Amino acid sequence: GGKAKGDYQNLGVGTSLEFGRHIAWSNGYFVEPYAQVAGLVVEGK
């Protein structure tokens, strides 16, 4: 029934790269295929 508490702070750095193409069709329709790669590292504590 008791409680235990703890806290800490840490840093993280990440990046995201996205590449795609907007392809317009007739009457305003469009398709937009894309690919994305992303990575993140967060320090241990």
All heavy atoms as atom14 arrays in JSON, in Angstrom:
{
  "sequence": "GGKAKGDYQNLGVGTSLEFGRHIAWSNGYFVEPYAQVAGLVVEGK",
  "atom14_mask": [
    [1, 1, 1, 1, 0, 0, 0, 0, 0, 0, 0, 0, 0, 0],
    [1, 1, 1, 1, 0, 0, 0, 0, 0, 0, 0, 0, 0, 0],
    [1, 1, 1, 1, 1, 1, 1, 1, 1, 0, 0, 0, 0, 0],
    [1, 1, 1, 1, 1, 0, 0, 0, 0, 0, 0, 0, 0, 0],
    [1, 1, 1, 1, 1, 1, 1, 1, 1, 0, 0, 0, 0, 0],
    [1, 1, 1, 1, 0, 0, 0, 0, 0, 0, 0, 0, 0, 0],
    [1, 1, 1, 1, 1, 1, 1, 1, 0, 0, 0, 0, 0, 0],
    [1, 1, 1, 1, 1, 1, 1, 1, 1, 1, 1, 1, 0, 0],
    [1, 1, 1, 1, 1, 1, 1, 1, 1, 0, 0, 0, 0, 0],
    [1, 1, 1, 1, 1, 1, 1, 1, 0, 0, 0, 0, 0, 0],
    [1, 1, 1, 1, 1, 1, 1, 1, 0, 0, 0, 0, 0, 0],
    [1, 1, 1, 1, 0, 0, 0, 0, 0, 0, 0, 0, 0, 0],
    [1, 1, 1, 1, 1, 1, 1, 0, 0, 0, 0, 0, 0, 0],
    [1, 1, 1, 1, 0, 0, 0, 0, 0, 0, 0, 0, 0, 0],
    [1, 1, 1, 1, 1, 1, 1, 0, 0, 0, 0, 0, 0, 0],
    [1, 1, 1, 1, 1, 1, 0, 0, 0, 0, 0, 0, 0, 0],
    [1, 1, 1, 1, 1, 1, 1, 1, 0, 0, 0, 0, 0, 0],
    [1, 1, 1, 1, 1, 1, 1, 1, 1, 0, 0, 0, 0, 0],
    [1, 1, 1, 1, 1, 1, 1, 1, 1, 1, 1, 0, 0, 0],
    [1, 1, 1, 1, 0, 0, 0, 0, 0, 0, 0, 0, 0, 0],
    [1, 1, 1, 1, 1, 1, 1, 1, 1, 1, 1, 0, 0, 0],
    [1, 1, 1, 1, 1, 1, 1, 1, 1, 1, 0, 0, 0, 0],
    [1, 1, 1, 1, 1, 1, 1, 1, 0, 0, 0, 0, 0, 0],
    [1, 1, 1, 1, 1, 0, 0, 0, 0, 0, 0, 0, 0, 0],
    [1, 1, 1, 1, 1, 1, 1, 1, 1, 1, 1, 1, 1, 1],
    [1, 1, 1, 1, 1, 1, 0, 0, 0, 0, 0, 0, 0, 0],
    [1, 1, 1, 1, 1, 1, 1, 1, 0, 0, 0, 0, 0, 0],
    [1, 1, 1, 1, 0, 0, 0, 0, 0, 0, 0, 0, 0, 0],
    [1, 1, 1, 1, 1, 1, 1, 1, 1, 1, 1, 1, 0, 0],
    [1, 1, 1, 1, 1, 1, 1, 1, 1, 1, 1, 0, 0, 0],
    [1, 1, 1, 1, 1, 1, 1, 0, 0, 0, 0, 0, 0, 0],
    [1, 1, 1, 1, 1, 1, 1, 1, 1, 0, 0, 0, 0, 0],
    [1, 1, 1, 1, 1, 1, 1, 0, 0, 0, 0, 0, 0, 0],
    [1, 1, 1, 1, 1, 1, 1, 1, 1, 1, 1, 1, 0, 0],
    [1, 1, 1, 1, 1, 0, 0, 0, 0, 0, 0, 0, 0, 0],
    [1, 1, 1, 1, 1, 1, 1, 1, 1, 0, 0, 0, 0, 0],
    [1, 1, 1, 1, 1, 1, 1, 0, 0, 0, 0, 0, 0, 0],
    [1, 1, 1, 1, 1, 0, 0, 0, 0, 0, 0, 0, 0, 0],
    [1, 1, 1, 1, 0, 0, 0, 0, 0, 0, 0, 0, 0, 0],
    [1, 1, 1, 1, 1, 1, 1, 1, 0, 0, 0, 0, 0, 0],
    [1, 1, 1, 1, 1, 1, 1, 0, 0, 0, 0, 0, 0, 0],
    [1, 1, 1, 1, 1, 1, 1, 0, 0, 0, 0, 0, 0, 0],
    [1, 1, 1, 1, 1, 1, 1, 1, 1, 0, 0, 0, 0, 0],
    [1, 1, 1, 1, 0, 0, 0, 0, 0, 0, 0, 0, 0, 0],
    [1, 1, 1, 1, 1, 1, 1, 1, 1, 0, 0, 0, 0, 0]
  ],
  "atom14_positions": [
    [[0.78, -1.22, 0.0], [0.0, 0.0, 0.0], [0.82, 1.27, 0.0], [0.26, 2.36, -0.19], [0.0, 0.0, 0.0], [0.0, 0.0, 0.0], [0.0, 0.0, 0.0], [0.0, 0.0, 0.0], [0.0, 0.0, 0.0], [0.0, 0.0, 0.0], [0.0, 0.0, 0.0], [0.0, 0.0, 0.0], [0.0, 0.0, 0.0], [0.0, 0.0, 0.0]],
    [[2.13, 1.17, 0.2], [2.98, 2.35, 0.18], [3.35, 2.77, -1.23], [2.92, 2.18, -2.22], [0.0, 0.0, 0.0], [0.0, 0.0, 0.0], [0.0, 0.0, 0.0], [0.0, 0.0, 0.0], [0.0, 0.0, 0.0], [0.0, 0.0, 0.0], [0.0, 0.0, 0.0], [0.0, 0.0, 0.0], [0.0, 0.0, 0.0], [0.0, 0.0, 0.0]],
    [[4.17, 3.81, -1.31], [4.62, 4.33, -2.6], [6.13, 4.49, -2.59], [6.73, 4.77, -1.54], [3.97, 5.68, -2.91], [2.47, 5.63, -3.17], [1.95, 7.0, -3.52], [0.44, 6.97, -3.81], [-0.07, 8.34, -4.14], [0.0, 0.0, 0.0], [0.0, 0.0, 0.0], [0.0, 0.0, 0.0], [0.0, 0.0, 0.0], [0.0, 0.0, 0.0]],
    [[6.72, 4.31, -3.75], [8.14, 4.59, -3.94], [8.27, 5.56, -5.1], [7.59, 5.41, -6.12], [8.93, 3.31, -4.22], [0.0, 0.0, 0.0], [0.0, 0.0, 0.0], [0.0, 0.0, 0.0], [0.0, 0.0, 0.0], [0.0, 0.0, 0.0], [0.0, 0.0, 0.0], [0.0, 0.0, 0.0], [0.0, 0.0, 0.0], [0.0, 0.0, 0.0]],
    [[9.13, 6.56, -4.94], [9.27, 7.58, -5.97], [10.72, 7.69, -6.41], [11.65, 7.42, -5.65], [8.77, 8.93, -5.44], [7.3, 8.96, -5.07], [6.88, 10.34, -4.59], [5.39, 10.37, -4.22], [4.96, 11.71, -3.75], [0.0, 0.0, 0.0], [0.0, 0.0, 0.0], [0.0, 0.0, 0.0], [0.0, 0.0, 0.0], [0.0, 0.0, 0.0]],
    [[10.88, 8.12, -7.63], [12.21, 8.37, -8.18], [12.11, 9.28, -9.38], [11.07, 9.34, -10.04], [0.0, 0.0, 0.0], [0.0, 0.0, 0.0], [0.0, 0.0, 0.0], [0.0, 0.0, 0.0], [0.0, 0.0, 0.0], [0.0, 0.0, 0.0], [0.0, 0.0, 0.0], [0.0, 0.0, 0.0], [0.0, 0.0, 0.0], [0.0, 0.0, 0.0]],
    [[13.17, 10.02, -9.66], [13.17, 10.91, -10.82], [14.59, 11.06, -11.35], [15.57, 10.86, -10.61], [12.58, 12.28, -10.46], [13.39, 12.99, -9.38], [14.39, 13.66, -9.72], [13.01, 12.89, -8.19], [0.0, 0.0, 0.0], [0.0, 0.0, 0.0], [0.0, 0.0, 0.0], [0.0, 0.0, 0.0], [0.0, 0.0, 0.0], [0.0, 0.0, 0.0]],
    [[14.69, 11.42, -12.61], [15.98, 11.66, -13.24], [15.76, 12.43, -14.54], [14.63, 12.52, -15.05], [16.73, 10.35, -13.52], [16.07, 9.45, -14.54], [16.52, 9.42, -15.86], [15.0, 8.62, -14.19], [15.91, 8.59, -16.8], [14.4, 7.79, -15.12], [14.87, 7.79, -16.43], [14.27, 6.97, -17.35], [0.0, 0.0, 0.0], [0.0, 0.0, 0.0]],
    [[16.83, 13.0, -15.07], [16.8, 13.71, -16.34], [17.84, 13.11, -17.27], [18.91, 12.7, -16.83], [17.1, 15.21, -16.16], [16.05, 15.98, -15.37], [16.17, 15.78, -13.88], [17.27, 15.73, -13.34], [15.03, 15.63, -13.2], [0.0, 0.0, 0.0], [0.0, 0.0, 0.0], [0.0, 0.0, 0.0], [0.0, 0.0, 0.0], [0.0, 0.0, 0.0]],
    [[17.51, 13.06, -18.56], [18.48, 12.61, -19.54], [18.23, 13.3, -20.87], [17.21, 13.95, -21.08], [18.5, 11.09, -19.69], [17.15, 10.52, -20.07], [16.12, 11.19, -20.03], [17.13, 9.25, -20.43], [0.0, 0.0, 0.0], [0.0, 0.0, 0.0], [0.0, 0.0, 0.0], [0.0, 0.0, 0.0], [0.0, 0.0, 0.0], [0.0, 0.0, 0.0]],
    [[19.2, 13.19, -21.76], [19.16, 13.85, -23.06], [19.04, 12.83, -24.17], [19.49, 11.69, -24.04], [20.42, 14.69, -23.28], [20.68, 15.83, -22.29], [22.03, 16.49, -22.59], [19.57, 16.86, -22.33], [0.0, 0.0, 0.0], [0.0, 0.0, 0.0], [0.0, 0.0, 0.0], [0.0, 0.0, 0.0], [0.0, 0.0, 0.0], [0.0, 0.0, 0.0]],
    [[18.47, 13.25, -25.27], [18.36, 12.41, -26.46], [18.56, 13.25, -27.71], [18.21, 14.44, -27.74], [0.0, 0.0, 0.0], [0.0, 0.0, 0.0], [0.0, 0.0, 0.0], [0.0, 0.0, 0.0], [0.0, 0.0, 0.0], [0.0, 0.0, 0.0], [0.0, 0.0, 0.0], [0.0, 0.0, 0.0], [0.0, 0.0, 0.0], [0.0, 0.0, 0.0]],
    [[19.13, 12.66, -28.73], [19.3, 13.34, -30.01], [18.83, 12.41, -31.12], [19.08, 11.2, -31.08], [20.77, 13.77, -30.22], [21.71, 12.56, -30.26], [20.91, 14.61, -31.49], [0.0, 0.0, 0.0], [0.0, 0.0, 0.0], [0.0, 0.0, 0.0], [0.0, 0.0, 0.0], [0.0, 0.0, 0.0], [0.0, 0.0, 0.0], [0.0, 0.0, 0.0]],
    [[18.1, 12.97, -32.06], [17.57, 12.16, -33.15], [17.47, 12.94, -34.43], [17.52, 14.18, -34.45], [0.0, 0.0, 0.0], [0.0, 0.0, 0.0], [0.0, 0.0, 0.0], [0.0, 0.0, 0.0], [0.0, 0.0, 0.0], [0.0, 0.0, 0.0], [0.0, 0.0, 0.0], [0.0, 0.0, 0.0], [0.0, 0.0, 0.0], [0.0, 0.0, 0.0]],
    [[17.34, 12.2, -35.51], [17.21, 12.82, -36.83], [16.22, 12.04, -37.66], [16.01, 10.84, -37.45], [18.58, 12.89, -37.54], [18.44, 13.61, -38.77], [19.1, 11.49, -37.84], [0.0, 0.0, 0.0], [0.0, 0.0, 0.0], [0.0, 0.0, 0.0], [0.0, 0.0, 0.0], [0.0, 0.0, 0.0], [0.0, 0.0, 0.0], [0.0, 0.0, 0.0]],
    [[15.6, 12.74, -38.59], [14.63, 12.13, -39.49], [14.88, 12.64, -40.9], [15.07, 13.85, -41.11], [13.2, 12.47, -39.05], [12.26, 12.12, -40.06], [0.0, 0.0, 0.0], [0.0, 0.0, 0.0], [0.0, 0.0, 0.0], [0.0, 0.0, 0.0], [0.0, 0.0, 0.0], [0.0, 0.0, 0.0], [0.0, 0.0, 0.0], [0.0, 0.0, 0.0]],
    [[14.89, 11.73, -41.87], [15.06, 12.07, -43.28], [13.89, 11.49, -44.04], [13.61, 10.28, -43.96], [16.38, 11.5, -43.81], [17.66, 11.88, -43.06], [18.85, 11.14, -43.63], [17.88, 13.39, -43.11], [0.0, 0.0, 0.0], [0.0, 0.0, 0.0], [0.0, 0.0, 0.0], [0.0, 0.0, 0.0], [0.0, 0.0, 0.0], [0.0, 0.0, 0.0]],
    [[13.22, 12.34, -44.8], [12.05, 11.91, -45.56], [12.2, 12.35, -47.01], [12.59, 13.49, -47.29], [10.78, 12.5, -44.96], [9.5, 12.06, -45.67], [8.26, 12.7, -45.07], [8.33, 13.17, -43.91], [7.22, 12.73, -45.76], [0.0, 0.0, 0.0], [0.0, 0.0, 0.0], [0.0, 0.0, 0.0], [0.0, 0.0, 0.0], [0.0, 0.0, 0.0]],
    [[11.86, 11.44, -47.93], [11.94, 11.73, -49.36], [10.67, 11.21, -50.02], [10.22, 10.1, -49.72], [13.17, 11.07, -49.98], [13.35, 11.37, -51.44], [13.84, 12.6, -51.86], [13.01, 10.43, -52.41], [14.01, 12.88, -53.2], [13.17, 10.71, -53.75], [13.67, 11.94, -54.16], [0.0, 0.0, 0.0], [0.0, 0.0, 0.0], [0.0, 0.0, 0.0]],
    [[10.1, 12.02, -50.91], [8.88, 11.59, -51.59], [8.63, 12.38, -52.84], [9.45, 13.2, -53.27], [0.0, 0.0, 0.0], [0.0, 0.0, 0.0], [0.0, 0.0, 0.0], [0.0, 0.0, 0.0], [0.0, 0.0, 0.0], [0.0, 0.0, 0.0], [0.0, 0.0, 0.0], [0.0, 0.0, 0.0], [0.0, 0.0, 0.0], [0.0, 0.0, 0.0]],
    [[7.45, 12.15, -53.41], [7.08, 12.85, -54.64], [5.58, 13.1, -54.66], [4.79, 12.19, -54.38], [7.48, 12.04, -55.87], [7.25, 12.79, -57.19], [7.59, 11.95, -58.38], [7.45, 12.71, -59.62], [7.53, 12.19, -60.84], [7.77, 10.88, -60.99], [7.38, 12.95, -61.91], [0.0, 0.0, 0.0], [0.0, 0.0, 0.0], [0.0, 0.0, 0.0]],
    [[5.22, 14.32, -54.99], [3.83, 14.71, -55.15], [3.48, 14.59, -56.64], [4.01, 15.33, -57.48], [3.62, 16.14, -54.66], [2.2, 16.6, -54.74], [1.3, 16.39, -53.72], [1.52, 17.26, -55.72], [0.13, 16.9, -54.06], [0.24, 17.43, -55.28], [0.0, 0.0, 0.0], [0.0, 0.0, 0.0], [0.0, 0.0, 0.0], [0.0, 0.0, 0.0]],
    [[2.61, 13.65, -56.96], [2.23, 13.39, -58.35], [0.79, 13.85, -58.54], [-0.13, 13.29, -57.95], [2.37, 11.9, -58.71], [3.8, 11.42, -58.42], [1.98, 11.65, -60.16], [3.97, 9.92, -58.54], [0.0, 0.0, 0.0], [0.0, 0.0, 0.0], [0.0, 0.0, 0.0], [0.0, 0.0, 0.0], [0.0, 0.0, 0.0], [0.0, 0.0, 0.0]],
    [[0.62, 14.88, -59.36], [-0.71, 15.44, -59.6], [-1.39, 14.7, -60.75], [-0.78, 14.44, -61.8], [-0.59, 16.93, -59.91], [0.0, 0.0, 0.0], [0.0, 0.0, 0.0], [0.0, 0.0, 0.0], [0.0, 0.0, 0.0], [0.0, 0.0, 0.0], [0.0, 0.0, 0.0], [0.0, 0.0, 0.0], [0.0, 0.0, 0.0], [0.0, 0.0, 0.0]],
    [[-2.66, 14.39, -60.55], [-3.49, 13.79, -61.59], [-4.54, 14.81, -62.03], [-4.57, 15.95, -61.57], [-4.16, 12.52, -61.07], [-3.22, 11.38, -60.84], [-1.98, 11.23, -61.37], [-3.44, 10.23, -60.01], [-1.4, 10.07, -60.93], [-2.28, 9.43, -60.09], [-4.51, 9.81, -59.21], [-2.16, 8.22, -59.42], [-4.38, 8.61, -58.54], [-3.23, 7.81, -58.65]],
    [[-5.41, 14.37, -62.9], [-6.44, 15.26, -63.4], [-7.52, 15.49, -62.33], [-7.67, 14.71, -61.39], [-7.08, 14.67, -64.66], [-7.66, 13.4, -64.38], [0.0, 0.0, 0.0], [0.0, 0.0, 0.0], [0.0, 0.0, 0.0], [0.0, 0.0, 0.0], [0.0, 0.0, 0.0], [0.0, 0.0, 0.0], [0.0, 0.0, 0.0], [0.0, 0.0, 0.0]],
    [[-8.24, 16.6, -62.48], [-9.36, 16.96, -61.61], [-8.93, 17.15, -60.15], [-9.72, 16.95, -59.23], [-10.47, 15.91, -61.69], [-11.07, 15.81, -63.07], [-11.27, 16.83, -63.75], [-11.36, 14.58, -63.52], [0.0, 0.0, 0.0], [0.0, 0.0, 0.0], [0.0, 0.0, 0.0], [0.0, 0.0, 0.0], [0.0, 0.0, 0.0], [0.0, 0.0, 0.0]],
    [[-7.67, 17.51, -59.96], [-7.19, 17.81, -58.62], [-6.74, 16.62, -57.8], [-6.26, 16.78, -56.68], [0.0, 0.0, 0.0], [0.0, 0.0, 0.0], [0.0, 0.0, 0.0], [0.0, 0.0, 0.0], [0.0, 0.0, 0.0], [0.0, 0.0, 0.0], [0.0, 0.0, 0.0], [0.0, 0.0, 0.0], [0.0, 0.0, 0.0], [0.0, 0.0, 0.0]],
    [[-6.88, 15.4, -58.31], [-6.44, 14.23, -57.58], [-4.91, 14.17, -57.54], [-4.23, 14.65, -58.47], [-6.98, 12.95, -58.21], [-8.47, 12.77, -58.03], [-9.37, 13.1, -59.06], [-8.99, 12.27, -56.85], [-10.74, 12.93, -58.9], [-10.36, 12.09, -56.67], [-11.23, 12.43, -57.7], [-12.57, 12.26, -57.53], [0.0, 0.0, 0.0], [0.0, 0.0, 0.0]],
    [[-4.38, 13.56, -56.5], [-2.93, 13.41, -56.4], [-2.59, 12.17, -55.59], [-3.4, 11.65, -54.81], [-2.28, 14.65, -55.75], [-2.61, 14.81, -54.29], [-1.8, 14.24, -53.3], [-3.73, 15.53, -53.89], [-2.1, 14.39, -51.96], [-4.04, 15.68, -52.55], [-3.22, 15.11, -51.59], [0.0, 0.0, 0.0], [0.0, 0.0, 0.0], [0.0, 0.0, 0.0]],
    [[-1.38, 11.68, -55.79], [-0.81, 10.6, -54.99], [0.59, 11.03, -54.58], [1.29, 11.72, -55.33], [-0.78, 9.27, -55.78], [0.1, 9.37, -57.02], [-0.31, 8.12, -54.88], [0.0, 0.0, 0.0], [0.0, 0.0, 0.0], [0.0, 0.0, 0.0], [0.0, 0.0, 0.0], [0.0, 0.0, 0.0], [0.0, 0.0, 0.0], [0.0, 0.0, 0.0]],
    [[0.98, 10.64, -53.38], [2.24, 11.13, -52.81], [2.98, 10.0, -52.12], [2.89, 9.84, -50.89], [1.92, 12.26, -51.83], [3.09, 13.14, -51.43], [2.6, 14.31, -50.59], [2.19, 15.31, -51.18], [2.58, 14.17, -49.35], [0.0, 0.0, 0.0], [0.0, 0.0, 0.0], [0.0, 0.0, 0.0], [0.0, 0.0, 0.0], [0.0, 0.0, 0.0]],
    [[3.71, 9.16, -52.83], [4.51, 8.12, -52.18], [5.7, 8.75, -51.45], [6.25, 9.77, -51.89], [4.97, 7.24, -53.35], [4.95, 8.15, -54.53], [3.83, 9.13, -54.31], [0.0, 0.0, 0.0], [0.0, 0.0, 0.0], [0.0, 0.0, 0.0], [0.0, 0.0, 0.0], [0.0, 0.0, 0.0], [0.0, 0.0, 0.0], [0.0, 0.0, 0.0]],
    [[6.08, 8.14, -50.34], [7.2, 8.69, -49.57], [7.88, 7.58, -48.78], [7.32, 6.51, -48.53], [6.73, 9.8, -48.63], [5.89, 9.32, -47.47], [6.46, 9.05, -46.22], [4.52, 9.11, -47.6], [5.7, 8.61, -45.16], [3.74, 8.68, -46.54], [4.34, 8.42, -45.32], [3.58, 7.97, -44.28], [0.0, 0.0, 0.0], [0.0, 0.0, 0.0]],
    [[9.12, 7.87, -48.38], [9.88, 6.97, -47.52], [10.58, 7.83, -46.46], [10.98, 8.98, -46.74], [10.9, 6.17, -48.31], [0.0, 0.0, 0.0], [0.0, 0.0, 0.0], [0.0, 0.0, 0.0], [0.0, 0.0, 0.0], [0.0, 0.0, 0.0], [0.0, 0.0, 0.0], [0.0, 0.0, 0.0], [0.0, 0.0, 0.0], [0.0, 0.0, 0.0]],
    [[10.7, 7.27, -45.29], [11.31, 8.01, -44.18], [12.18, 7.06, -43.37], [11.82, 5.9, -43.13], [10.22, 8.6, -43.29], [10.73, 9.45, -42.14], [9.62, 9.85, -41.18], [9.05, 9.01, -40.5], [9.29, 11.13, -41.14], [0.0, 0.0, 0.0], [0.0, 0.0, 0.0], [0.0, 0.0, 0.0], [0.0, 0.0, 0.0], [0.0, 0.0, 0.0]],
    [[13.33, 7.55, -42.95], [14.18, 6.82, -42.02], [14.49, 7.77, -40.87], [14.74, 8.96, -41.07], [15.47, 6.3, -42.69], [16.31, 7.44, -43.25], [16.28, 5.45, -41.73], [0.0, 0.0, 0.0], [0.0, 0.0, 0.0], [0.0, 0.0, 0.0], [0.0, 0.0, 0.0], [0.0, 0.0, 0.0], [0.0, 0.0, 0.0], [0.0, 0.0, 0.0]],
    [[14.42, 7.25, -39.65], [14.63, 8.08, -38.47], [15.39, 7.29, -37.42], [15.21, 6.07, -37.28], [13.3, 8.57, -37.9], [0.0, 0.0, 0.0], [0.0, 0.0, 0.0], [0.0, 0.0, 0.0], [0.0, 0.0, 0.0], [0.0, 0.0, 0.0], [0.0, 0.0, 0.0], [0.0, 0.0, 0.0], [0.0, 0.0, 0.0], [0.0, 0.0, 0.0]],
    [[16.24, 7.96, -36.67], [17.02, 7.32, -35.63], [17.11, 8.2, -34.39], [17.06, 9.43, -34.48], [0.0, 0.0, 0.0], [0.0, 0.0, 0.0], [0.0, 0.0, 0.0], [0.0, 0.0, 0.0], [0.0, 0.0, 0.0], [0.0, 0.0, 0.0], [0.0, 0.0, 0.0], [0.0, 0.0, 0.0], [0.0, 0.0, 0.0], [0.0, 0.0, 0.0]],
    [[17.25, 7.56, -33.24], [17.28, 8.26, -31.96], [18.22, 7.53, -31.01], [18.24, 6.3, -30.96], [15.86, 8.3, -31.36], [15.71, 8.81, -29.92], [16.01, 10.3, -29.85], [14.31, 8.51, -29.4], [0.0, 0.0, 0.0], [0.0, 0.0, 0.0], [0.0, 0.0, 0.0], [0.0, 0.0, 0.0], [0.0, 0.0, 0.0], [0.0, 0.0, 0.0]],
    [[18.98, 8.32, -30.25], [19.82, 7.79, -29.17], [19.53, 8.61, -27.91], [19.59, 9.84, -27.94], [21.32, 7.87, -29.51], [22.16, 7.35, -28.34], [21.64, 7.07, -30.76], [0.0, 0.0, 0.0], [0.0, 0.0, 0.0], [0.0, 0.0, 0.0], [0.0, 0.0, 0.0], [0.0, 0.0, 0.0], [0.0, 0.0, 0.0], [0.0, 0.0, 0.0]],
    [[19.18, 7.92, -26.82], [18.89, 8.57, -25.55], [19.91, 8.07, -24.53], [20.12, 6.85, -24.4], [17.46, 8.27, -25.07], [17.18, 8.98, -23.75], [16.44, 8.68, -26.12], [0.0, 0.0, 0.0], [0.0, 0.0, 0.0], [0.0, 0.0, 0.0], [0.0, 0.0, 0.0], [0.0, 0.0, 0.0], [0.0, 0.0, 0.0], [0.0, 0.0, 0.0]],
    [[20.53, 9.0, -23.8], [21.58, 8.6, -22.86], [21.0, 7.78, -21.7], [19.86, 7.98, -21.28], [22.3, 9.83, -22.32], [21.48, 10.68, -21.37], [22.29, 11.75, -20.68], [23.5, 11.52, -20.45], [21.73, 12.81, -20.37], [0.0, 0.0, 0.0], [0.0, 0.0, 0.0], [0.0, 0.0, 0.0], [0.0, 0.0, 0.0], [0.0, 0.0, 0.0]],
    [[21.81, 6.84, -21.22], [21.43, 6.07, -20.05], [21.67, 6.88, -18.78], [22.47, 7.8, -18.75], [0.0, 0.0, 0.0], [0.0, 0.0, 0.0], [0.0, 0.0, 0.0], [0.0, 0.0, 0.0], [0.0, 0.0, 0.0], [0.0, 0.0, 0.0], [0.0, 0.0, 0.0], [0.0, 0.0, 0.0], [0.0, 0.0, 0.0], [0.0, 0.0, 0.0]],
    [[20.95, 6.49, -17.72], [21.08, 7.23, -16.46], [20.87, 6.26, -15.3], [19.98, 5.4, -15.35], [20.04, 8.34, -16.4], [20.45, 9.59, -15.66], [21.68, 10.26, -16.25], [22.06, 11.55, -15.56], [21.12, 12.64, -15.83], [0.0, 0.0, 0.0], [0.0, 0.0, 0.0], [0.0, 0.0, 0.0], [0.0, 0.0, 0.0], [0.0, 0.0, 0.0]]
  ]
}
